Amino acid sequence: MKRFYKDFNQFKVRQIYTLLDEAGIPCTIKNEFIAGASGEIPHHEALPEVWLLDSEWEPKAKALMAEFEQDVEAKDVQPIDWTCGSCEQTNEPQFRICWNCESPRAV
């Protein structure tokens, strides 16, 4: 077995585990429920970790991880505000209709 990934963010550890598991890479999560012991043991010892059951899978796992990180970086681009074509009101990017006049966003 080989430790592949660890992070304070348990959600991200679960994402990486799911990514590898769905790709058919045999892996497991260690320290998933040990966060409560943090303080009794050093914080870095209580981090959730993804472990590969066979180190032969490491190159494929690293390639998937690189692709995943690129996707995350691409999604981190902040969308821009848009202006309604009907009333000229500025709207935040999450709105699909104008909050002022309820006209749909032009695509």
Protein backbone atom coordinates (compact mmCIF):
# COMPACT_ATOMS: atom_id res chain seq x y z
CA MET A 1 0.00 0.00 0.00
CA LYS A 2 1.09 3.55 -0.71
CA ARG A 3 -0.26 6.86 0.56
CA PHE A 4 -1.41 8.86 -2.45
CA TYR A 5 -3.14 11.95 -1.07
CA LYS A 6 -3.93 13.71 2.21
CA ASP A 7 -5.65 16.98 3.04
CA PHE A 8 -7.35 18.82 5.91
CA ASN A 9 -10.43 19.08 3.68
CA GLN A 10 -12.28 15.80 4.16
CA PHE A 11 -14.62 16.61 1.26
CA LYS A 12 -11.69 16.90 -1.16
CA VAL A 13 -10.22 13.62 0.13
CA ARG A 14 -13.59 11.96 -0.56
CA GLN A 15 -13.63 13.51 -4.07
CA ILE A 16 -10.18 12.08 -4.85
CA TYR A 17 -11.18 8.68 -3.48
CA THR A 18 -14.34 8.65 -5.61
CA LEU A 19 -12.39 9.75 -8.70
CA LEU A 20 -9.93 6.87 -8.30
CA ASP A 21 -12.59 4.34 -7.33
CA GLU A 22 -14.73 5.16 -10.38
CA ALA A 23 -11.63 4.72 -12.58
CA GLY A 24 -11.23 1.20 -11.16
CA ILE A 25 -8.12 2.03 -9.14
CA PRO A 26 -8.10 0.01 -5.91
CA CYS A 27 -7.82 2.45 -3.01
CA THR A 28 -9.05 3.14 0.50
CA ILE A 29 -9.42 6.04 2.91
CA LYS A 30 -7.54 6.03 6.20
CA ASN A 31 -8.10 8.37 9.17
CA GLU A 32 -11.56 9.25 7.87
CA PHE A 33 -13.10 9.42 11.34
CA ILE A 34 -10.08 10.37 13.46
CA ALA A 35 -10.57 14.15 13.36
CA GLY A 36 -11.95 14.08 16.90
CA ALA A 37 -8.57 12.91 18.16
CA SER A 38 -6.86 15.97 16.75
CA GLY A 39 -5.21 17.69 19.68
CA GLU A 40 -4.59 14.41 21.46
CA ILE A 41 -2.40 13.44 18.53
CA PRO A 42 -0.62 15.88 16.19
CA HIS A 43 -2.89 17.48 13.56
CA HIS A 44 -0.84 16.15 10.66
CA GLU A 45 -1.31 12.61 12.02
CA ALA A 46 -5.10 13.03 11.98
CA LEU A 47 -5.45 14.02 8.32
CA PRO A 48 -7.73 11.87 6.17
CA GLU A 49 -5.66 10.06 3.53
CA VAL A 50 -6.27 8.19 0.27
CA TRP A 51 -4.09 5.10 -0.05
CA LEU A 52 -3.51 3.05 -3.19
CA LEU A 53 -3.77 -0.66 -2.48
CA ASP A 54 -1.17 -1.37 -5.17
CA SER A 55 1.56 1.11 -6.08
CA GLU A 56 1.43 -0.05 -9.73
CA TRP A 57 -1.64 2.18 -10.09
CA GLU A 58 0.25 5.33 -9.08
CA PRO A 59 1.00 6.62 -12.63
CA LYS A 60 -2.66 6.33 -13.65
CA ALA A 61 -3.79 7.88 -10.35
CA LYS A 62 -1.40 10.81 -10.82
CA ALA A 63 -2.67 11.38 -14.36
CA LEU A 64 -6.29 11.42 -13.14
CA MET A 65 -5.33 13.76 -10.32
CA ALA A 66 -3.64 16.18 -12.74
CA GLU A 67 -6.72 16.16 -14.97
CA PHE A 68 -8.96 16.74 -11.93
CA GLU A 69 -6.86 19.71 -10.77
CA GLN A 70 -6.98 21.25 -14.25
CA ASP A 71 -10.79 20.93 -14.25
CA VAL A 72 -10.97 22.56 -10.80
CA GLU A 73 -8.72 25.43 -11.92
CA ALA A 74 -10.85 25.97 -15.03
CA LYS A 75 -14.00 26.16 -12.90
CA ASP A 76 -12.39 28.62 -10.48
CA VAL A 77 -12.53 31.34 -13.13
CA GLN A 78 -14.90 33.96 -11.78
CA PRO A 79 -17.92 34.48 -14.04
CA ILE A 80 -18.68 38.08 -14.89
CA ASP A 81 -21.79 40.15 -14.24
CA TRP A 82 -24.18 40.64 -17.15
CA THR A 83 -26.36 43.55 -18.20
CA CYS A 84 -30.03 43.09 -19.01
CA GLY A 85 -30.90 43.97 -22.61
CA SER A 86 -34.34 45.26 -21.59
CA CYS A 87 -33.73 47.50 -18.57
CA GLU A 88 -29.90 47.84 -18.55
CA GLN A 89 -29.75 46.54 -14.98
CA THR A 90 -26.48 44.82 -13.94
CA ASN A 91 -27.06 41.27 -12.69
CA GLU A 92 -24.77 38.81 -10.94
CA PRO A 93 -23.70 35.82 -13.04
CA GLN A 94 -25.78 33.22 -11.16
CA PHE A 95 -29.04 34.88 -12.26
CA ARG A 96 -30.63 33.53 -15.45
CA ILE A 97 -33.34 36.19 -15.46
CA CYS A 98 -33.02 39.88 -14.62
CA TRP A 99 -33.88 40.48 -10.98
CA ASN A 100 -35.31 43.90 -11.87
CA CYS A 101 -37.58 43.24 -14.89
CA GLU A 102 -37.54 39.42 -15.05
CA SER A 103 -36.39 39.33 -18.66
CA PRO A 104 -34.39 36.21 -19.54
CA ARG A 105 -30.64 36.46 -19.92
CA ALA A 106 -29.53 36.68 -23.54
CA VAL A 107 -27.32 33.76 -24.49
